[in-house]
Amino acid sequence: MRVEFLYWEGCPSHPTALADLRTAMEELGLDPASIEVREVESDAQAGRERFAGSPTIRIDGADLQAPGEGEPFGLTCRVYRRRDGRISPNPDPADLRDELRRAMTAAAAHRS
């Protein structure tokens, strides 16, 4: 399983999101050291990375909450919708755990 964490240093929410991701991985028995952490430093890089804002978390190439159609890529802070409907600068930790579990199940099925 490939877990990517992309961030822009100008956005203050990324340390909390990375800590939440590491915790979720530990809870599921996954190695948080395997997270590919990359800083996005320019708009050109944001376009190449399809970076919809900081923080962006991808599991096996799929964005945790895919950006809307036509949403621009660039150096900006990201907004997530939590399960209770609130808007947050970080994804819901329950969503992180669920997506990691889904990827683990898919990887296990692929191996068998």
PDB file of N, CA and C in Angstrom:
ATOM      1  N   MET A   1       0.849  -1.175   0.000  1.00  0.00           N
ATOM      2  CA  MET A   1       0.000   0.000   0.000  1.00  0.00           C
ATOM      3  C   MET A   1       0.895   1.239   0.000  1.00  0.00           C
ATOM      4  N   ARG A   2       0.523   2.186  -0.825  1.00  0.00           N
ATOM      5  CA  ARG A   2       1.280   3.438  -0.926  1.00  0.00           C
ATOM      6  C   ARG A   2       0.457   4.558  -0.289  1.00  0.00           C
ATOM      7  N   VAL A   3       1.058   5.253   0.680  1.00  0.00           N
ATOM      8  CA  VAL A   3       0.396   6.375   1.347  1.00  0.00           C
ATOM      9  C   VAL A   3       1.262   7.610   1.128  1.00  0.00           C
ATOM     10  N   GLU A   4       0.649   8.628   0.509  1.00  0.00           N
ATOM     11  CA  GLU A   4       1.349   9.879   0.224  1.00  0.00           C
ATOM     12  C   GLU A   4       0.730  11.008   1.047  1.00  0.00           C
ATOM     13  N   PHE A   5       1.589  11.881   1.540  1.00  0.00           N
ATOM     14  CA  PHE A   5       1.157  13.060   2.280  1.00  0.00           C
ATOM     15  C   PHE A   5       1.851  14.252   1.637  1.00  0.00           C
ATOM     16  N   LEU A   6       1.062  15.096   0.979  1.00  0.00           N
ATOM     17  CA  LEU A   6       1.608  16.279   0.324  1.00  0.00           C
ATOM     18  C   LEU A   6       1.161  17.508   1.099  1.00  0.00           C
ATOM     19  N   TYR A   7       2.068  18.449   1.262  1.00  0.00           N
ATOM     20  CA  TYR A   7       1.730  19.651   2.014  1.00  0.00           C
ATOM     21  C   TYR A   7       2.438  20.866   1.440  1.00  0.00           C
ATOM     22  N   TRP A   8       1.916  22.014   1.809  1.00  0.00           N
ATOM     23  CA  TRP A   8       2.518  23.306   1.492  1.00  0.00           C
ATOM     24  C   TRP A   8       2.869  23.951   2.828  1.00  0.00           C
ATOM     25  N   GLU A   9       4.106  24.381   2.974  1.00  0.00           N
ATOM     26  CA  GLU A   9       4.595  24.922   4.245  1.00  0.00           C
ATOM     27  C   GLU A   9       3.783  26.131   4.695  1.00  0.00           C
ATOM     28  N   GLY A  10       3.176  26.854   3.766  1.00  0.00           N
ATOM     29  CA  GLY A  10       2.400  28.046   4.105  1.00  0.00           C
ATOM     30  C   GLY A  10       1.070  27.755   4.782  1.00  0.00           C
ATOM     31  N   CYS A  11       0.690  26.507   4.848  1.00  0.00           N
ATOM     32  CA  CYS A  11      -0.574  26.132   5.465  1.00  0.00           C
ATOM     33  C   CYS A  11      -0.308  25.538   6.851  1.00  0.00           C
ATOM     34  N   PRO A  12      -0.861  26.128   7.903  1.00  0.00           N
ATOM     35  CA  PRO A  12      -0.520  25.699   9.260  1.00  0.00           C
ATOM     36  C   PRO A  12      -1.165  24.394   9.716  1.00  0.00           C
ATOM     37  N   SER A  13      -2.070  23.813   8.959  1.00  0.00           N
ATOM     38  CA  SER A  13      -2.797  22.625   9.432  1.00  0.00           C
ATOM     39  C   SER A  13      -2.091  21.308   9.139  1.00  0.00           C
ATOM     40  N   HIS A  14      -1.059  21.317   8.319  1.00  0.00           N
ATOM     41  CA  HIS A  14      -0.475  20.040   7.903  1.00  0.00           C
ATOM     42  C   HIS A  14       0.181  19.229   9.031  1.00  0.00           C
ATOM     43  N   PRO A  15       0.795  19.821  10.064  1.00  0.00           N
ATOM     44  CA  PRO A  15       1.376  18.956  11.109  1.00  0.00           C
ATOM     45  C   PRO A  15       0.325  18.114  11.832  1.00  0.00           C
ATOM     46  N   THR A  16      -0.846  18.682  12.088  1.00  0.00           N
ATOM     47  CA  THR A  16      -1.911  17.934  12.755  1.00  0.00           C
ATOM     48  C   THR A  16      -2.405  16.808  11.855  1.00  0.00           C
ATOM     49  N   ALA A  17      -2.571  17.088  10.576  1.00  0.00           N
ATOM     50  CA  ALA A  17      -3.038  16.061   9.641  1.00  0.00           C
ATOM     51  C   ALA A  17      -2.036  14.912   9.542  1.00  0.00           C
ATOM     52  N   LEU A  18      -0.750  15.229   9.518  1.00  0.00           N
ATOM     53  CA  LEU A  18       0.262  14.179   9.437  1.00  0.00           C
ATOM     54  C   LEU A  18       0.267  13.345  10.718  1.00  0.00           C
ATOM     55  N   ALA A  19       0.112  13.987  11.859  1.00  0.00           N
ATOM     56  CA  ALA A  19       0.038  13.255  13.132  1.00  0.00           C
ATOM     57  C   ALA A  19      -1.184  12.337  13.160  1.00  0.00           C
ATOM     58  N   ASP A  20      -2.329  12.833  12.682  1.00  0.00           N
ATOM     59  CA  ASP A  20      -3.539  12.008  12.626  1.00  0.00           C
ATOM     60  C   ASP A  20      -3.344  10.804  11.703  1.00  0.00           C
ATOM     61  N   LEU A  21      -2.699  11.018  10.566  1.00  0.00           N
ATOM     62  CA  LEU A  21      -2.446   9.931   9.623  1.00  0.00           C
ATOM     63  C   LEU A  21      -1.519   8.889  10.247  1.00  0.00           C
ATOM     64  N   ARG A  22      -0.463   9.341  10.894  1.00  0.00           N
ATOM     65  CA  ARG A  22       0.459   8.406  11.546  1.00  0.00           C
ATOM     66  C   ARG A  22      -0.256   7.591  12.621  1.00  0.00           C
ATOM     67  N   THR A  23      -1.097   8.252  13.417  1.00  0.00           N
ATOM     68  CA  THR A  23      -1.851   7.559  14.464  1.00  0.00           C
ATOM     69  C   THR A  23      -2.772   6.508  13.862  1.00  0.00           C
ATOM     70  N   ALA A  24      -3.489   6.874  12.805  1.00  0.00           N
ATOM     71  CA  ALA A  24      -4.401   5.923  12.157  1.00  0.00           C
ATOM     72  C   ALA A  24      -3.641   4.707  11.639  1.00  0.00           C
ATOM     73  N   MET A  25      -2.476   4.942  11.057  1.00  0.00           N
ATOM     74  CA  MET A  25      -1.690   3.818  10.545  1.00  0.00           C
ATOM     75  C   MET A  25      -1.220   2.923  11.684  1.00  0.00           C
ATOM     76  N   GLU A  26      -0.751   3.527  12.764  1.00  0.00           N
ATOM     77  CA  GLU A  26      -0.317   2.731  13.917  1.00  0.00           C
ATOM     78  C   GLU A  26      -1.460   1.893  14.470  1.00  0.00           C
ATOM     79  N   GLU A  27      -2.652   2.494  14.579  1.00  0.00           N
ATOM     80  CA  GLU A  27      -3.821   1.775  15.105  1.00  0.00           C
ATOM     81  C   GLU A  27      -4.162   0.556  14.261  1.00  0.00           C
ATOM     82  N   LEU A  28      -3.862   0.616  12.966  1.00  0.00           N
ATOM     83  CA  LEU A  28      -4.186  -0.483  12.061  1.00  0.00           C
ATOM     84  C   LEU A  28      -3.005  -1.430  11.834  1.00  0.00           C
ATOM     85  N   GLY A  29      -1.929  -1.213  12.574  1.00  0.00           N
ATOM     86  CA  GLY A  29      -0.766  -2.086  12.445  1.00  0.00           C
ATOM     87  C   GLY A  29       0.092  -1.796  11.237  1.00  0.00           C
ATOM     88  N   LEU A  30      -0.042  -0.613  10.669  1.00  0.00           N
ATOM     89  CA  LEU A  30       0.760  -0.213   9.517  1.00  0.00           C
ATOM     90  C   LEU A  30       1.937   0.636   9.982  1.00  0.00           C
ATOM     91  N   ASP A  31       2.987   0.674   9.210  1.00  0.00           N
ATOM     92  CA  ASP A  31       4.190   1.419   9.570  1.00  0.00           C
ATOM     93  C   ASP A  31       4.070   2.877   9.128  1.00  0.00           C
ATOM     94  N   PRO A  32       3.927   3.811  10.084  1.00  0.00           N
ATOM     95  CA  PRO A  32       3.816   5.218   9.704  1.00  0.00           C
ATOM     96  C   PRO A  32       5.078   5.771   9.047  1.00  0.00           C
ATOM     97  N   ALA A  33       6.201   5.087   9.224  1.00  0.00           N
ATOM     98  CA  ALA A  33       7.435   5.535   8.568  1.00  0.00           C
ATOM     99  C   ALA A  33       7.379   5.326   7.054  1.00  0.00           C
ATOM    100  N   SER A  34       6.403   4.538   6.593  1.00  0.00           N
ATOM    101  CA  SER A  34       6.284   4.283   5.151  1.00  0.00           C
ATOM    102  C   SER A  34       5.562   5.410   4.407  1.00  0.00           C
ATOM    103  N   ILE A  35       5.021   6.389   5.121  1.00  0.00           N
ATOM    104  CA  ILE A  35       4.329   7.510   4.478  1.00  0.00           C
ATOM    105  C   ILE A  35       5.331   8.294   3.637  1.00  0.00           C
ATOM    106  N   GLU A  36       4.973   8.550   2.389  1.00  0.00           N
ATOM    107  CA  GLU A  36       5.798   9.379   1.509  1.00  0.00           C
ATOM    108  C   GLU A  36       5.389  10.838   1.743  1.00  0.00           C
ATOM    109  N   VAL A  37       6.204  11.572   2.479  1.00  0.00           N
ATOM    110  CA  VAL A  37       5.910  12.967   2.801  1.00  0.00           C
ATOM    111  C   VAL A  37       6.649  13.849   1.800  1.00  0.00           C
ATOM    112  N   ARG A  38       5.872  14.693   1.099  1.00  0.00           N
ATOM    113  CA  ARG A  38       6.477  15.587   0.108  1.00  0.00           C
ATOM    114  C   ARG A  38       5.936  17.006   0.272  1.00  0.00           C
ATOM    115  N   GLU A  39       6.845  17.950   0.282  1.00  0.00           N
ATOM    116  CA  GLU A  39       6.452  19.361   0.301  1.00  0.00           C
ATOM    117  C   GLU A  39       6.254  19.836  -1.134  1.00  0.00           C
ATOM    118  N   VAL A  40       5.164  20.547  -1.367  1.00  0.00           N
ATOM    119  CA  VAL A  40       4.898  21.154  -2.670  1.00  0.00           C
ATOM    120  C   VAL A  40       5.317  22.617  -2.547  1.00  0.00           C
ATOM    121  N   GLU A  41       6.255  23.036  -3.397  1.00  0.00           N
ATOM    122  CA  GLU A  41       6.882  24.341  -3.222  1.00  0.00           C
ATOM    123  C   GLU A  41       6.560  25.368  -4.298  1.00  0.00           C
ATOM    124  N   SER A  42       5.877  24.966  -5.360  1.00  0.00           N
ATOM    125  CA  SER A  42       5.579  25.931  -6.423  1.00  0.00           C
ATOM    126  C   SER A  42       4.246  25.570  -7.080  1.00  0.00           C
ATOM    127  N   ASP A  43       3.669  26.555  -7.758  1.00  0.00           N
ATOM    128  CA  ASP A  43       2.431  26.289  -8.492  1.00  0.00           C
ATOM    129  C   ASP A  43       2.661  25.283  -9.620  1.00  0.00           C
ATOM    130  N   ALA A  44       3.836  25.337 -10.235  1.00  0.00           N
ATOM    131  CA  ALA A  44       4.146  24.376 -11.301  1.00  0.00           C
ATOM    132  C   ALA A  44       4.173  22.961 -10.735  1.00  0.00           C
ATOM    133  N   GLN A  45       4.816  22.783  -9.590  1.00  0.00           N
ATOM    134  CA  GLN A  45       4.850  21.468  -8.947  1.00  0.00           C
ATOM    135  C   GLN A  45       3.441  21.053  -8.536  1.00  0.00           C
ATOM    136  N   ALA A  46       2.647  22.012  -8.032  1.00  0.00           N
ATOM    137  CA  ALA A  46       1.261  21.706  -7.636  1.00  0.00           C
ATOM    138  C   ALA A  46       0.479  21.153  -8.821  1.00  0.00           C
ATOM    139  N   GLY A  47       0.659  21.743  -9.986  1.00  0.00           N
ATOM    140  CA  GLY A  47      -0.019  21.240 -11.179  1.00  0.00           C
ATOM    141  C   GLY A  47       0.426  19.839 -11.543  1.00  0.00           C
ATOM    142  N   ARG A  48       1.738  19.599 -11.505  1.00  0.00           N
ATOM    143  CA  ARG A  48       2.269  18.270 -11.835  1.00  0.00           C
ATOM    144  C   ARG A  48       1.770  17.215 -10.845  1.00  0.00           C
ATOM    145  N   GLU A  49       1.689  17.595  -9.571  1.00  0.00           N
ATOM    146  CA  GLU A  49       1.273  16.663  -8.512  1.00  0.00           C
ATOM    147  C   GLU A  49      -0.247  16.553  -8.384  1.00  0.00           C
ATOM    148  N   ARG A  50      -0.974  17.397  -9.133  1.00  0.00           N
ATOM    149  CA  ARG A  50      -2.436  17.466  -9.002  1.00  0.00           C
ATOM    150  C   ARG A  50      -2.812  17.744  -7.546  1.00  0.00           C
ATOM    151  N   PHE A  51      -2.124  18.748  -7.004  1.00  0.00           N
ATOM    152  CA  PHE A  51      -2.195  19.130  -5.598  1.00  0.00           C
ATOM    153  C   PHE A  51      -3.328  20.127  -5.398  1.00  0.00           C
ATOM    154  N   ALA A  52      -4.406  19.652  -4.769  1.00  0.00           N
ATOM    155  CA  ALA A  52      -5.599  20.484  -4.572  1.00  0.00           C
ATOM    156  C   ALA A  52      -5.520  21.327  -3.307  1.00  0.00           C
ATOM    157  N   GLY A  53      -4.403  21.289  -2.620  1.00  0.00           N
ATOM    158  CA  GLY A  53      -4.217  22.091  -1.417  1.00  0.00           C
ATOM    159  C   GLY A  53      -3.621  21.265  -0.301  1.00  0.00           C
ATOM    160  N   SER A  54      -3.218  21.968   0.731  1.00  0.00           N
ATOM    161  CA  SER A  54      -2.532  21.354   1.855  1.00  0.00           C
ATOM    162  C   SER A  54      -3.466  21.181   3.043  1.00  0.00           C
ATOM    163  N   PRO A  55      -3.478  19.997   3.609  1.00  0.00           N
ATOM    164  CA  PRO A  55      -2.752  18.784   3.239  1.00  0.00           C
ATOM    165  C   PRO A  55      -3.544  17.936   2.251  1.00  0.00           C
ATOM    166  N   THR A  56      -2.824  17.199   1.410  1.00  0.00           N
ATOM    167  CA  THR A  56      -3.436  16.232   0.510  1.00  0.00           C
ATOM    168  C   THR A  56      -2.913  14.856   0.899  1.00  0.00           C
ATOM    169  N   ILE A  57      -3.833  13.928   1.093  1.00  0.00           N
ATOM    170  CA  ILE A  57      -3.478  12.556   1.458  1.00  0.00           C
ATOM    171  C   ILE A  57      -4.010  11.632   0.365  1.00  0.00           C
ATOM    172  N   ARG A  58      -3.117  10.799  -0.151  1.00  0.00           N
ATOM    173  CA  ARG A  58      -3.506   9.816  -1.165  1.00  0.00           C
ATOM    174  C   ARG A  58      -3.146   8.418  -0.681  1.00  0.00           C
ATOM    175  N   ILE A  59      -4.062   7.514  -0.891  1.00  0.00           N
ATOM    176  CA  ILE A  59      -3.840   6.115  -0.543  1.00  0.00           C
ATOM    177  C   ILE A  59      -3.962   5.315  -1.831  1.00  0.00           C
ATOM    178  N   ASP A  60      -2.874   4.682  -2.218  1.00  0.00           N
ATOM    179  CA  ASP A  60      -2.795   3.958  -3.493  1.00  0.00           C
ATOM    180  C   ASP A  60      -3.231   4.844  -4.655  1.00  0.00           C
ATOM    181  N   GLY A  61      -2.800   6.090  -4.612  1.00  0.00           N
ATOM    182  CA  GLY A  61      -3.050   7.034  -5.692  1.00  0.00           C
ATOM    183  C   GLY A  61      -4.379   7.755  -5.642  1.00  0.00           C
ATOM    184  N   ALA A  62      -5.281   7.338  -4.765  1.00  0.00           N
ATOM    185  CA  ALA A  62      -6.606   7.958  -4.674  1.00  0.00           C
ATOM    186  C   ALA A  62      -6.620   9.002  -3.565  1.00  0.00           C
ATOM    187  N   ASP A  63      -7.085  10.202  -3.917  1.00  0.00           N
ATOM    188  CA  ASP A  63      -7.206  11.288  -2.944  1.00  0.00           C
ATOM    189  C   ASP A  63      -8.237  10.906  -1.887  1.00  0.00           C
ATOM    190  N   LEU A  64      -7.928  11.185  -0.634  1.00  0.00           N
ATOM    191  CA  LEU A  64      -8.828  10.861   0.470  1.00  0.00           C
ATOM    192  C   LEU A  64     -10.212  11.455   0.240  1.00  0.00           C
ATOM    193  N   GLN A  65     -10.269  12.714  -0.168  1.00  0.00           N
ATOM    194  CA  GLN A  65     -11.527  13.356  -0.580  1.00  0.00           C
ATOM    195  C   GLN A  65     -11.233  14.040  -1.911  1.00  0.00           C
ATOM    196  N   ALA A  66     -11.603  13.377  -2.969  1.00  0.00           N
ATOM    197  CA  ALA A  66     -11.285  13.881  -4.300  1.00  0.00           C
ATOM    198  C   ALA A  66     -11.813  15.293  -4.491  1.00  0.00           C
ATOM    199  N   PRO A  67     -10.990  16.176  -5.054  1.00  0.00           N
ATOM    200  CA  PRO A  67     -11.451  17.534  -5.318  1.00  0.00           C
ATOM    201  C   PRO A  67     -12.562  17.532  -6.360  1.00  0.00           C
ATOM    202  N   GLY A  68     -13.373  18.567  -6.319  1.00  0.00           N
ATOM    203  CA  GLY A  68     -14.464  18.701  -7.272  1.00  0.00           C
ATOM    204  C   GLY A  68     -13.962  18.928  -8.686  1.00  0.00           C
ATOM    205  N   GLU A  69     -14.812  18.625  -9.632  1.00  0.00           N
ATOM    206  CA  GLU A  69     -14.488  18.811 -11.049  1.00  0.00           C
ATOM    207  C   GLU A  69     -14.113  20.272 -11.295  1.00  0.00           C
ATOM    208  N   GLY A  70     -12.987  20.485 -11.948  1.00  0.00           N
ATOM    209  CA  GLY A  70     -12.558  21.835 -12.292  1.00  0.00           C
ATOM    210  C   GLY A  70     -11.911  22.604 -11.150  1.00  0.00           C
ATOM    211  N   GLU A  71     -11.769  21.967  -9.986  1.00  0.00           N
ATOM    212  CA  GLU A  71     -11.114  22.640  -8.864  1.00  0.00           C
ATOM    213  C   GLU A  71      -9.645  22.860  -9.218  1.00  0.00           C
ATOM    214  N   PRO A  72      -9.135  24.066  -9.000  1.00  0.00           N
ATOM    215  CA  PRO A  72      -7.754  24.358  -9.412  1.00  0.00           C
ATOM    216  C   PRO A  72      -6.726  23.698  -8.495  1.00  0.00           C
ATOM    217  N   PHE A  73      -5.557  23.496  -9.044  1.00  0.00           N
ATOM    218  CA  PHE A  73      -4.426  22.993  -8.278  1.00  0.00           C
ATOM    219  C   PHE A  73      -3.531  24.178  -7.957  1.00  0.00           C
ATOM    220  N   GLY A  74      -2.936  24.192  -6.765  1.00  0.00           N
ATOM    221  CA  GLY A  74      -2.048  25.289  -6.417  1.00  0.00           C
ATOM    222  C   GLY A  74      -1.700  25.299  -4.948  1.00  0.00           C
ATOM    223  N   LEU A  75      -0.887  26.276  -4.587  1.00  0.00           N
ATOM    224  CA  LEU A  75      -0.442  26.443  -3.210  1.00  0.00           C
ATOM    225  C   LEU A  75      -1.540  27.141  -2.421  1.00  0.00           C
ATOM    226  N   THR A  76      -2.304  26.350  -1.722  1.00  0.00           N
ATOM    227  CA  THR A  76      -3.428  26.841  -0.940  1.00  0.00           C
ATOM    228  C   THR A  76      -3.686  25.885   0.215  1.00  0.00           C
ATOM    229  N   CYS A  77      -4.451  26.342   1.181  1.00  0.00           N
ATOM    230  CA  CYS A  77      -4.870  25.462   2.267  1.00  0.00           C
ATOM    231  C   CYS A  77      -6.139  24.741   1.832  1.00  0.00           C
ATOM    232  N   ARG A  78      -6.218  23.504   2.181  1.00  0.00           N
ATOM    233  CA  ARG A  78      -7.342  22.667   1.770  1.00  0.00           C
ATOM    234  C   ARG A  78      -8.449  22.695   2.815  1.00  0.00           C
ATOM    235  N   VAL A  79      -9.655  22.423   2.366  1.00  0.00           N
ATOM    236  CA  VAL A  79     -10.811  22.338   3.260  1.00  0.00           C
ATOM    237  C   VAL A  79     -11.422  20.951   3.104  1.00  0.00           C
ATOM    238  N   TYR A  80     -11.710  20.316   4.236  1.00  0.00           N
ATOM    239  CA  TYR A  80     -12.333  18.999   4.253  1.00  0.00           C
ATOM    240  C   TYR A  80     -13.692  19.079   4.929  1.00  0.00           C
ATOM    241  N   ARG A  81     -14.588  18.223   4.507  1.00  0.00           N
ATOM    242  CA  ARG A  81     -15.886  18.100   5.173  1.00  0.00           C
ATOM    243  C   ARG A  81     -15.812  16.874   6.082  1.00  0.00           C
ATOM    244  N   ARG A  82     -16.077  17.100   7.348  1.00  0.00           N
ATOM    245  CA  ARG A  82     -16.068  16.005   8.323  1.00  0.00           C
ATOM    246  C   ARG A  82     -17.394  15.264   8.285  1.00  0.00           C
ATOM    247  N   ARG A  83     -17.429  14.107   8.899  1.00  0.00           N
ATOM    248  CA  ARG A  83     -18.633  13.265   8.893  1.00  0.00           C
ATOM    249  C   ARG A  83     -19.831  13.947   9.529  1.00  0.00           C
ATOM    250  N   ASP A  84     -19.569  14.811  10.493  1.00  0.00           N
ATOM    251  CA  ASP A  84     -20.681  15.504  11.159  1.00  0.00           C
ATOM    252  C   ASP A  84     -21.116  16.755  10.398  1.00  0.00           C
ATOM    253  N   GLY A  85     -20.531  16.972   9.219  1.00  0.00           N
ATOM    254  CA  GLY A  85     -20.916  18.092   8.378  1.00  0.00           C
ATOM    255  C   GLY A  85     -20.069  19.339   8.553  1.00  0.00           C
ATOM    256  N   ARG A  86     -19.261  19.375   9.591  1.00  0.00           N
ATOM    257  CA  ARG A  86     -18.407  20.545   9.806  1.00  0.00           C
ATOM    258  C   ARG A  86     -17.325  20.619   8.737  1.00  0.00           C
ATOM    259  N   ILE A  87     -16.872  21.844   8.503  1.00  0.00           N
ATOM    260  CA  ILE A  87     -15.750  22.097   7.608  1.00  0.00           C
ATOM    261  C   ILE A  87     -14.495  22.160   8.478  1.00  0.00           C
ATOM    262  N   SER A  88     -13.396  21.579   7.980  1.00  0.00           N
ATOM    263  CA  SER A  88     -12.164  21.496   8.760  1.00  0.00           C
ATOM    264  C   SER A  88     -10.955  21.631   7.839  1.00  0.00           C
ATOM    265  N   PRO A  89      -9.845  22.127   8.368  1.00  0.00           N
ATOM    266  CA  PRO A  89      -8.620  22.159   7.568  1.00  0.00           C
ATOM    267  C   PRO A  89      -7.944  20.798   7.467  1.00  0.00           C
ATOM    268  N   ASN A  90      -8.454  19.811   8.210  1.00  0.00           N
ATOM    269  CA  ASN A  90      -7.886  18.464   8.203  1.00  0.00           C
ATOM    270  C   ASN A  90      -8.986  17.437   7.996  1.00  0.00           C
ATOM    271  N   PRO A  91      -8.644  16.303   7.383  1.00  0.00           N
ATOM    272  CA  PRO A  91      -9.651  15.257   7.195  1.00  0.00           C
ATOM    273  C   PRO A  91     -10.075  14.639   8.523  1.00  0.00           C
ATOM    274  N   ASP A  92     -11.237  14.054   8.527  1.00  0.00           N
ATOM    275  CA  ASP A  92     -11.764  13.365   9.699  1.00  0.00           C
ATOM    276  C   ASP A  92     -10.896  12.124   9.954  1.00  0.00           C
ATOM    277  N   PRO A  93     -10.386  11.941  11.173  1.00  0.00           N
ATOM    278  CA  PRO A  93      -9.577  10.745  11.458  1.00  0.00           C
ATOM    279  C   PRO A  93     -10.306   9.433  11.158  1.00  0.00           C
ATOM    280  N   ALA A  94     -11.615   9.407  11.315  1.00  0.00           N
ATOM    281  CA  ALA A  94     -12.380   8.198  10.987  1.00  0.00           C
ATOM    282  C   ALA A  94     -12.306   7.913   9.490  1.00  0.00           C
ATOM    283  N   ASP A  95     -12.312   8.953   8.658  1.00  0.00           N
ATOM    284  CA  ASP A  95     -12.163   8.758   7.219  1.00  0.00           C
ATOM    285  C   ASP A  95     -10.787   8.179   6.893  1.00  0.00           C
ATOM    286  N   LEU A  96      -9.759   8.671   7.592  1.00  0.00           N
ATOM    287  CA  LEU A  96      -8.407   8.132   7.382  1.00  0.00           C
ATOM    288  C   LEU A  96      -8.377   6.637   7.673  1.00  0.00           C
ATOM    289  N   ARG A  97      -8.912   6.243   8.832  1.00  0.00           N
ATOM    290  CA  ARG A  97      -8.913   4.823   9.203  1.00  0.00           C
ATOM    291  C   ARG A  97      -9.711   3.987   8.204  1.00  0.00           C
ATOM    292  N   ASP A  98     -10.887   4.486   7.803  1.00  0.00           N
ATOM    293  CA  ASP A  98     -11.717   3.726   6.866  1.00  0.00           C
ATOM    294  C   ASP A  98     -11.023   3.531   5.523  1.00  0.00           C
ATOM    295  N   GLU A  99     -10.393   4.565   5.004  1.00  0.00           N
ATOM    296  CA  GLU A  99      -9.724   4.444   3.706  1.00  0.00           C
ATOM    297  C   GLU A  99      -8.491   3.551   3.789  1.00  0.00           C
ATOM    298  N   LEU A 100      -7.782   3.616   4.906  1.00  0.00           N
ATOM    299  CA  LEU A 100      -6.647   2.720   5.085  1.00  0.00           C
ATOM    300  C   LEU A 100      -7.118   1.264   5.163  1.00  0.00           C
ATOM    301  N   ARG A 101      -8.204   1.029   5.893  1.00  0.00           N
ATOM    302  CA  ARG A 101      -8.764  -0.327   5.982  1.00  0.00           C
ATOM    303  C   ARG A 101      -9.195  -0.831   4.604  1.00  0.00           C
ATOM    304  N   ARG A 102      -9.859   0.040   3.838  1.00  0.00           N
ATOM    305  CA  ARG A 102     -10.311  -0.334   2.499  1.00  0.00           C
ATOM    306  C   ARG A 102      -9.121  -0.738   1.632  1.00  0.00           C
ATOM    307  N   ALA A 103      -8.049   0.032   1.703  1.00  0.00           N
ATOM    308  CA  ALA A 103      -6.858  -0.270   0.901  1.00  0.00           C
ATOM    309  C   ALA A 103      -6.204  -1.560   1.371  1.00  0.00           C
ATOM    310  N   MET A 104      -6.201  -1.799   2.680  1.00  0.00           N
ATOM    311  CA  MET A 104      -5.642  -3.052   3.205  1.00  0.00           C
ATOM    312  C   MET A 104      -6.439  -4.248   2.697  1.00  0.00           C
ATOM    313  N   THR A 105      -7.755  -4.131   2.697  1.00  0.00           N
ATOM    314  CA  THR A 105      -8.629  -5.211   2.229  1.00  0.00           C
ATOM    315  C   THR A 105      -8.404  -5.452   0.740  1.00  0.00           C
ATOM    316  N   ALA A 106      -8.300  -4.392  -0.038  1.00  0.00           N
ATOM    317  CA  ALA A 106      -8.073  -4.519  -1.476  1.00  0.00           C
ATOM    318  C   ALA A 106      -6.721  -5.165  -1.752  1.00  0.00           C
ATOM    319  N   ALA A 107      -5.708  -4.791  -0.989  1.00  0.00           N
ATOM    320  CA  ALA A 107      -4.364  -5.362  -1.181  1.00  0.00           C
ATOM    321  C   ALA A 107      -4.367  -6.840  -0.838  1.00  0.00           C
ATOM    322  N   ALA A 108      -5.070  -7.203   0.239  1.00  0.00           N
ATOM    323  CA  ALA A 108      -5.152  -8.612   0.639  1.00  0.00           C
ATOM    324  C   ALA A 108      -5.880  -9.438  -0.418  1.00  0.00           C
ATOM    325  N   ALA A 109      -6.960  -8.890  -0.970  1.00  0.00           N
ATOM    326  CA  ALA A 109      -7.720  -9.601  -2.003  1.00  0.00           C
ATOM    327  C   ALA A 109      -6.885  -9.766  -3.270  1.00  0.00           C
ATOM    328  N   HIS A 110      -6.078  -8.770  -3.574  1.00  0.00           N
ATOM    329  CA  HIS A 110      -5.235  -8.804  -4.767  1.00  0.00           C
ATOM    330  C   HIS A 110      -4.154  -9.873  -4.649  1.00  0.00           C
ATOM    331  N   ARG A 111      -3.665 -10.094  -3.425  1.00  0.00           N
ATOM    332  CA  ARG A 111      -2.610 -11.087  -3.189  1.00  0.00           C
ATOM    333  C   ARG A 111      -3.136 -12.517  -3.264  1.00  0.00           C
ATOM    334  N   SER A 112      -4.429 -12.702  -2.961  1.00  0.00           N
ATOM    335  CA  SER A 112      -4.945 -14.082  -2.925  1.00  0.00           C
ATOM    336  C   SER A 112      -5.507 -14.554  -4.233  1.00  0.00           C
TER     337      SER A 112
END
